[in-house]
C-alpha cells in the first residue's frame, strides 16, 4: 500500500491568533461600512463578503447579529473617544478640532440606522448601549468645548450633551431624504457656537 500523505503541519499558535485578530478587525470595519450604507439589518453575508471572509468565520467571531452590532458600536465609540485628544493635538485650533470631531460623530451615527429594531424586545440592552455612548463621548466633547472656549473660539452657551442631541436629531432626518444634507446642517450648527446667541423671549 502506498504510504499515507503526511498530515499538514499545524499552524503556530501566534500566527493563528494574528489571523483571528485580523479577521475580527476586518469584520468590524466592513460591518461599519455596510451598516452605514444599508442599516444594521443588512444581511450578514454582505458583511462577510465585504470583509473577505466566509459567513462561518463571521459567526465564529459574532454568534448573533446583536453581538456584531454591539462590537461595532463599542469599537467606534473607542475610536471617537481616542480621536478627541488626538484632534486637539493635531488641528490648528481647538474649534477646528471640535468641528472635525463632530463630523466623525456624524459618520458614527450614520452606521446606527435601524439599531432600535435589532434590539426590539431588549430594552435593557438598548439602554446599556445608550449609557455607554453618553458616558464615553460626553466627557470627550466637554474637553473639546472647554479648549475652544479657552481660546475664545466658542462663546455660545451649550452643554456637551445638548450639542450631541442636536447633532443626532439633524442626522436622524438624513436616511431616505436626498434634500437633507446632514453634514452641512451640522457644520452650520457648530459654526453658530462662535457667536453669542440672541435671547428669544417666549411670545
C-alpha atoms as a PDB file:
ATOM      1  CA  UNK A   1       0.000   0.000   0.000  1.00  0.00           C
ATOM      2  CA  UNK A   2       1.291   3.487  -0.780  1.00  0.00           C
ATOM      3  CA  UNK A   3       2.339   5.436   2.261  1.00  0.00           C
ATOM      4  CA  UNK A   4      -0.316   7.829   3.528  1.00  0.00           C
ATOM      5  CA  UNK A   5       0.208  11.518   2.908  1.00  0.00           C
ATOM      6  CA  UNK A   6       1.802  13.330   5.819  1.00  0.00           C
ATOM      7  CA  UNK A   7      -0.562  15.354   7.945  1.00  0.00           C
ATOM      8  CA  UNK A   8      -0.328  19.115   7.358  1.00  0.00           C
ATOM      9  CA  UNK A   9       1.873  20.930   9.791  1.00  0.00           C
ATOM     10  CA  UNK A  10      -0.153  22.669  12.492  1.00  0.00           C
ATOM     11  CA  UNK A  11      -0.385  26.442  12.270  1.00  0.00           C
ATOM     12  CA  UNK A  12       1.703  28.012  15.046  1.00  0.00           C
ATOM     13  CA  UNK A  13      -0.496  29.452  17.778  1.00  0.00           C
ATOM     14  CA  UNK A  14       0.802  33.066  17.449  1.00  0.00           C
ATOM     15  CA  UNK A  15       0.020  33.018  13.710  1.00  0.00           C
ATOM     16  CA  UNK A  16      -3.470  31.658  14.411  1.00  0.00           C
ATOM     17  CA  UNK A  17      -4.109  34.424  16.935  1.00  0.00           C
ATOM     18  CA  UNK A  18      -2.939  37.054  14.448  1.00  0.00           C
ATOM     19  CA  UNK A  19      -5.271  35.630  11.796  1.00  0.00           C
ATOM     20  CA  UNK A  20      -8.174  35.702  14.244  1.00  0.00           C
ATOM     21  CA  UNK A  21      -7.400  39.301  15.187  1.00  0.00           C
ATOM     22  CA  UNK A  22      -7.115  40.345  11.529  1.00  0.00           C
ATOM     23  CA  UNK A  23     -10.408  38.692  10.664  1.00  0.00           C
ATOM     24  CA  UNK A  24     -12.120  40.288  13.649  1.00  0.00           C
ATOM     25  CA  UNK A  25     -10.832  43.744  12.728  1.00  0.00           C
ATOM     26  CA  UNK A  26     -11.783  43.247   9.072  1.00  0.00           C
ATOM     27  CA  UNK A  27     -15.303  42.247  10.106  1.00  0.00           C
ATOM     28  CA  UNK A  28     -15.719  45.299  12.361  1.00  0.00           C
ATOM     29  CA  UNK A  29     -14.522  47.674   9.631  1.00  0.00           C
ATOM     30  CA  UNK A  30     -16.669  46.003   6.979  1.00  0.00           C
ATOM     31  CA  UNK A  31     -19.743  45.936   9.214  1.00  0.00           C
ATOM     32  CA  UNK A  32     -19.407  49.655   9.929  1.00  0.00           C
ATOM     33  CA  UNK A  33     -19.345  50.402   6.180  1.00  0.00           C
ATOM     34  CA  UNK A  34     -22.244  48.057   5.406  1.00  0.00           C
ATOM     35  CA  UNK A  35     -24.328  49.396   8.292  1.00  0.00           C
ATOM     36  CA  UNK A  36     -23.747  52.973   7.113  1.00  0.00           C
ATOM     37  CA  UNK A  37     -24.924  52.000   3.638  1.00  0.00           C
ATOM     38  CA  UNK A  38     -27.719  49.535   4.390  1.00  0.00           C
ATOM     39  CA  UNK A  39     -28.538  49.851   8.104  1.00  0.00           C
ATOM     40  CA  UNK A  40     -27.801  47.380  10.880  1.00  0.00           C
ATOM     41  CA  UNK A  41     -30.394  44.996   9.456  1.00  0.00           C
ATOM     42  CA  UNK A  42     -28.187  44.291   6.415  1.00  0.00           C
ATOM     43  CA  UNK A  43     -27.635  40.588   5.625  1.00  0.00           C
ATOM     44  CA  UNK A  44     -24.649  39.149   7.465  1.00  0.00           C
ATOM     45  CA  UNK A  45     -23.416  37.607   4.205  1.00  0.00           C
ATOM     46  CA  UNK A  46     -22.986  41.173   2.903  1.00  0.00           C
ATOM     47  CA  UNK A  47     -20.757  41.964   5.880  1.00  0.00           C
ATOM     48  CA  UNK A  48     -18.769  38.750   5.443  1.00  0.00           C
ATOM     49  CA  UNK A  49     -18.259  39.411   1.723  1.00  0.00           C
ATOM     50  CA  UNK A  50     -17.103  42.965   2.388  1.00  0.00           C
ATOM     51  CA  UNK A  51     -14.595  41.644   4.939  1.00  0.00           C
ATOM     52  CA  UNK A  52     -13.342  38.951   2.550  1.00  0.00           C
ATOM     53  CA  UNK A  53     -14.254  36.070   4.865  1.00  0.00           C
ATOM     54  CA  UNK A  54     -16.892  33.371   4.935  1.00  0.00           C
ATOM     55  CA  UNK A  55     -20.162  33.577   6.841  1.00  0.00           C
ATOM     56  CA  UNK A  56     -18.956  30.771   9.116  1.00  0.00           C
ATOM     57  CA  UNK A  57     -15.962  32.900  10.095  1.00  0.00           C
ATOM     58  CA  UNK A  58     -18.267  35.807  10.910  1.00  0.00           C
ATOM     59  CA  UNK A  59     -20.390  33.610  13.162  1.00  0.00           C
ATOM     60  CA  UNK A  60     -17.305  32.271  14.943  1.00  0.00           C
ATOM     61  CA  UNK A  61     -16.452  35.836  15.916  1.00  0.00           C
ATOM     62  CA  UNK A  62     -20.015  37.080  16.437  1.00  0.00           C
ATOM     63  CA  UNK A  63     -22.566  34.315  17.073  1.00  0.00           C
ATOM     64  CA  UNK A  64     -25.562  36.662  16.763  1.00  0.00           C
ATOM     65  CA  UNK A  65     -26.358  39.877  14.901  1.00  0.00           C
ATOM     66  CA  UNK A  66     -26.633  41.672  18.236  1.00  0.00           C
ATOM     67  CA  UNK A  67     -23.100  40.555  19.113  1.00  0.00           C
ATOM     68  CA  UNK A  68     -21.831  42.063  15.858  1.00  0.00           C
ATOM     69  CA  UNK A  69     -23.774  45.304  16.305  1.00  0.00           C
ATOM     70  CA  UNK A  70     -22.543  45.764  19.876  1.00  0.00           C
ATOM     71  CA  UNK A  71     -18.941  45.044  18.858  1.00  0.00           C
ATOM     72  CA  UNK A  72     -19.091  47.619  16.036  1.00  0.00           C
ATOM     73  CA  UNK A  73     -20.757  50.140  18.337  1.00  0.00           C
ATOM     74  CA  UNK A  74     -18.117  49.714  21.048  1.00  0.00           C
ATOM     75  CA  UNK A  75     -15.266  49.754  18.540  1.00  0.00           C
ATOM     76  CA  UNK A  76     -16.446  53.037  17.059  1.00  0.00           C
ATOM     77  CA  UNK A  77     -17.047  54.613  20.460  1.00  0.00           C
ATOM     78  CA  UNK A  78     -13.491  53.694  21.440  1.00  0.00           C
ATOM     79  CA  UNK A  79     -12.261  55.350  18.234  1.00  0.00           C
ATOM     80  CA  UNK A  80     -14.232  58.527  18.881  1.00  0.00           C
ATOM     81  CA  UNK A  81     -13.033  58.693  22.479  1.00  0.00           C
ATOM     82  CA  UNK A  82      -9.409  58.443  21.343  1.00  0.00           C
ATOM     83  CA  UNK A  83      -9.956  60.901  18.499  1.00  0.00           C
ATOM     84  CA  UNK A  84     -10.806  63.872  20.747  1.00  0.00           C
ATOM     85  CA  UNK A  85      -7.364  64.329  22.357  1.00  0.00           C
ATOM     86  CA  UNK A  86      -5.644  63.437  19.068  1.00  0.00           C
ATOM     87  CA  UNK A  87      -7.516  66.183  17.201  1.00  0.00           C
ATOM     88  CA  UNK A  88      -6.734  68.756  19.895  1.00  0.00           C
ATOM     89  CA  UNK A  89      -3.064  67.922  19.437  1.00  0.00           C
ATOM     90  CA  UNK A  90      -3.078  67.934  15.637  1.00  0.00           C
ATOM     91  CA  UNK A  91      -5.618  70.527  14.467  1.00  0.00           C
ATOM     92  CA  UNK A  92      -4.553  74.189  14.095  1.00  0.00           C
ATOM     93  CA  UNK A  93      -7.211  75.484  16.514  1.00  0.00           C
ATOM     94  CA  UNK A  94      -9.483  73.957  19.171  1.00  0.00           C
ATOM     95  CA  UNK A  95     -12.501  74.992  17.096  1.00  0.00           C
ATOM     96  CA  UNK A  96     -11.367  73.012  14.060  1.00  0.00           C
ATOM     97  CA  UNK A  97     -10.807  70.074  16.429  1.00  0.00           C
ATOM     98  CA  UNK A  98     -14.418  70.425  17.638  1.00  0.00           C
ATOM     99  CA  UNK A  99     -15.761  70.584  14.084  1.00  0.00           C
ATOM    100  CA  UNK A 100     -13.681  67.635  12.886  1.00  0.00           C
ATOM    101  CA  UNK A 101     -14.724  65.539  15.871  1.00  0.00           C
ATOM    102  CA  UNK A 102     -18.398  66.357  15.413  1.00  0.00           C
ATOM    103  CA  UNK A 103     -18.160  65.287  11.765  1.00  0.00           C
ATOM    104  CA  UNK A 104     -16.625  61.999  12.898  1.00  0.00           C
ATOM    105  CA  UNK A 105     -19.575  61.686  15.274  1.00  0.00           C
ATOM    106  CA  UNK A 106     -21.922  62.228  12.313  1.00  0.00           C
ATOM    107  CA  UNK A 107     -20.212  59.350  10.487  1.00  0.00           C
ATOM    108  CA  UNK A 108     -20.625  57.201  13.597  1.00  0.00           C
ATOM    109  CA  UNK A 109     -24.352  57.965  13.759  1.00  0.00           C
ATOM    110  CA  UNK A 110     -24.658  57.041  10.102  1.00  0.00           C
ATOM    111  CA  UNK A 111     -23.924  53.397  10.936  1.00  0.00           C
ATOM    112  CA  UNK A 112     -26.729  53.178  13.506  1.00  0.00           C
ATOM    113  CA  UNK A 113     -29.834  53.334  11.311  1.00  0.00           C
ATOM    114  CA  UNK A 114     -32.206  50.584  12.397  1.00  0.00           C
ATOM    115  CA  UNK A 115     -30.410  49.954  15.699  1.00  0.00           C
ATOM    116  CA  UNK A 116     -33.646  50.042  17.716  1.00  0.00           C
ATOM    117  CA  UNK A 117     -35.169  47.257  15.565  1.00  0.00           C
ATOM    118  CA  UNK A 118     -32.218  44.958  16.270  1.00  0.00           C
ATOM    119  CA  UNK A 119     -32.776  45.471  19.997  1.00  0.00           C
ATOM    120  CA  UNK A 120     -36.562  45.210  19.833  1.00  0.00           C
ATOM    121  CA  UNK A 121     -37.673  43.396  22.974  1.00  0.00           C
ATOM    122  CA  UNK A 122     -34.384  44.011  24.786  1.00  0.00           C
ATOM    123  CA  UNK A 123     -34.867  47.443  26.329  1.00  0.00           C
ATOM    124  CA  UNK A 124     -32.134  46.811  28.890  1.00  0.00           C
ATOM    125  CA  UNK A 125     -29.590  46.017  26.174  1.00  0.00           C
ATOM    126  CA  UNK A 126     -30.501  49.102  24.190  1.00  0.00           C
ATOM    127  CA  UNK A 127     -30.342  51.278  27.319  1.00  0.00           C
ATOM    128  CA  UNK A 128     -26.906  49.869  28.160  1.00  0.00           C
ATOM    129  CA  UNK A 129     -25.614  50.892  24.727  1.00  0.00           C
ATOM    130  CA  UNK A 130     -27.026  54.384  25.123  1.00  0.00           C
ATOM    131  CA  UNK A 131     -25.457  54.690  28.586  1.00  0.00           C
ATOM    132  CA  UNK A 132     -22.085  53.608  27.194  1.00  0.00           C
ATOM    133  CA  UNK A 133     -22.392  56.182  24.430  1.00  0.00           C
ATOM    134  CA  UNK A 134     -23.173  59.010  26.861  1.00  0.00           C
ATOM    135  CA  UNK A 135     -20.591  58.016  29.471  1.00  0.00           C
ATOM    136  CA  UNK A 136     -17.750  57.782  26.948  1.00  0.00           C
ATOM    137  CA  UNK A 137     -18.478  60.593  24.492  1.00  0.00           C
ATOM    138  CA  UNK A 138     -19.938  63.440  26.571  1.00  0.00           C
ATOM    139  CA  UNK A 139     -16.650  63.905  28.503  1.00  0.00           C
ATOM    140  CA  UNK A 140     -14.671  63.889  25.234  1.00  0.00           C
ATOM    141  CA  UNK A 141     -16.813  66.640  23.737  1.00  0.00           C
ATOM    142  CA  UNK A 142     -16.684  68.516  27.062  1.00  0.00           C
ATOM    143  CA  UNK A 143     -12.887  68.655  26.841  1.00  0.00           C
ATOM    144  CA  UNK A 144     -13.022  69.816  23.221  1.00  0.00           C
ATOM    145  CA  UNK A 145     -15.528  72.562  24.008  1.00  0.00           C
ATOM    146  CA  UNK A 146     -13.547  73.656  27.066  1.00  0.00           C
ATOM    147  CA  UNK A 147     -10.438  74.067  24.931  1.00  0.00           C
ATOM    148  CA  UNK A 148     -12.394  76.013  22.304  1.00  0.00           C
ATOM    149  CA  UNK A 149     -13.862  78.271  24.979  1.00  0.00           C
ATOM    150  CA  UNK A 150     -10.415  78.832  26.432  1.00  0.00           C
ATOM    151  CA  UNK A 151      -9.149  80.008  23.040  1.00  0.00           C
ATOM    152  CA  UNK A 152     -12.190  82.253  22.531  1.00  0.00           C
ATOM    153  CA  UNK A 153     -13.397  80.214  19.537  1.00  0.00           C
ATOM    154  CA  UNK A 154     -16.632  79.102  21.212  1.00  0.00           C
ATOM    155  CA  UNK A 155     -18.743  81.615  23.104  1.00  0.00           C
ATOM    156  CA  UNK A 156     -22.335  80.317  22.829  1.00  0.00           C
ATOM    157  CA  UNK A 157     -23.700  78.537  25.868  1.00  0.00           C
ATOM    158  CA  UNK A 158     -24.352  74.853  25.236  1.00  0.00           C
ATOM    159  CA  UNK A 159     -23.661  71.686  27.174  1.00  0.00           C
ATOM    160  CA  UNK A 160     -21.868  68.772  25.513  1.00  0.00           C
ATOM    161  CA  UNK A 161     -24.965  66.595  25.870  1.00  0.00           C
ATOM    162  CA  UNK A 162     -27.204  69.246  24.298  1.00  0.00           C
ATOM    163  CA  UNK A 163     -24.862  69.511  21.325  1.00  0.00           C
ATOM    164  CA  UNK A 164     -24.706  65.738  20.839  1.00  0.00           C
ATOM    165  CA  UNK A 165     -28.503  65.522  20.974  1.00  0.00           C
ATOM    166  CA  UNK A 166     -28.886  68.356  18.477  1.00  0.00           C
ATOM    167  CA  UNK A 167     -26.444  66.715  16.060  1.00  0.00           C
ATOM    168  CA  UNK A 168     -28.230  63.399  16.496  1.00  0.00           C
ATOM    169  CA  UNK A 169     -31.589  64.999  15.687  1.00  0.00           C
ATOM    170  CA  UNK A 170     -30.181  66.504  12.486  1.00  0.00           C
ATOM    171  CA  UNK A 171     -28.663  63.205  11.367  1.00  0.00           C
ATOM    172  CA  UNK A 172     -31.876  61.304  12.155  1.00  0.00           C
ATOM    173  CA  UNK A 173     -33.617  63.021   9.232  1.00  0.00           C
ATOM    174  CA  UNK A 174     -30.924  62.059   6.706  1.00  0.00           C
ATOM    175  CA  UNK A 175     -31.894  58.492   5.662  1.00  0.00           C
ATOM    176  CA  UNK A 176     -34.093  58.460   2.587  1.00  0.00           C
ATOM    177  CA  UNK A 177     -34.198  62.237   2.177  1.00  0.00           C
ATOM    178  CA  UNK A 178     -31.936  63.396  -0.670  1.00  0.00           C
ATOM    179  CA  UNK A 179     -32.814  67.030   0.048  1.00  0.00           C
ATOM    180  CA  UNK A 180     -31.415  66.917   3.582  1.00  0.00           C
ATOM    181  CA  UNK A 181     -27.648  67.473   3.818  1.00  0.00           C
ATOM    182  CA  UNK A 182     -26.941  66.474   7.405  1.00  0.00           C
ATOM    183  CA  UNK A 183     -23.227  67.306   7.303  1.00  0.00           C
ATOM    184  CA  UNK A 184     -23.888  70.838   6.056  1.00  0.00           C
ATOM    185  CA  UNK A 185     -26.572  71.421   8.686  1.00  0.00           C
ATOM    186  CA  UNK A 186     -24.253  70.130  11.398  1.00  0.00           C
ATOM    187  CA  UNK A 187     -21.495  72.478  10.188  1.00  0.00           C
ATOM    188  CA  UNK A 188     -23.903  75.418  10.399  1.00  0.00           C
ATOM    189  CA  UNK A 189     -24.917  74.340  13.905  1.00  0.00           C
ATOM    190  CA  UNK A 190     -21.340  74.062  15.191  1.00  0.00           C
ATOM    191  CA  UNK A 191     -20.239  77.276  13.472  1.00  0.00           C
ATOM    192  CA  UNK A 192     -23.012  79.057  15.365  1.00  0.00           C
ATOM    193  CA  UNK A 193     -21.165  78.330  18.612  1.00  0.00           C
ATOM    194  CA  UNK A 194     -18.641  81.003  17.632  1.00  0.00           C
ATOM    195  CA  UNK A 195     -21.041  83.847  18.376  1.00  0.00           C
ATOM    196  CA  UNK A 196     -23.327  84.891  21.210  1.00  0.00           C
ATOM    197  CA  UNK A 197     -26.894  83.753  20.675  1.00  0.00           C
ATOM    198  CA  UNK A 198     -29.786  86.239  20.742  1.00  0.00           C
ATOM    199  CA  UNK A 199     -32.173  85.947  23.662  1.00  0.00           C
ATOM    200  CA  UNK A 200     -35.558  84.931  22.306  1.00  0.00           C
ATOM    201  CA  UNK A 201     -38.326  85.568  24.785  1.00  0.00           C
ATOM    202  CA  UNK A 202     -41.483  83.488  24.662  1.00  0.00           C
ATOM    203  CA  UNK A 203     -44.398  85.163  22.902  1.00  0.00           C
END
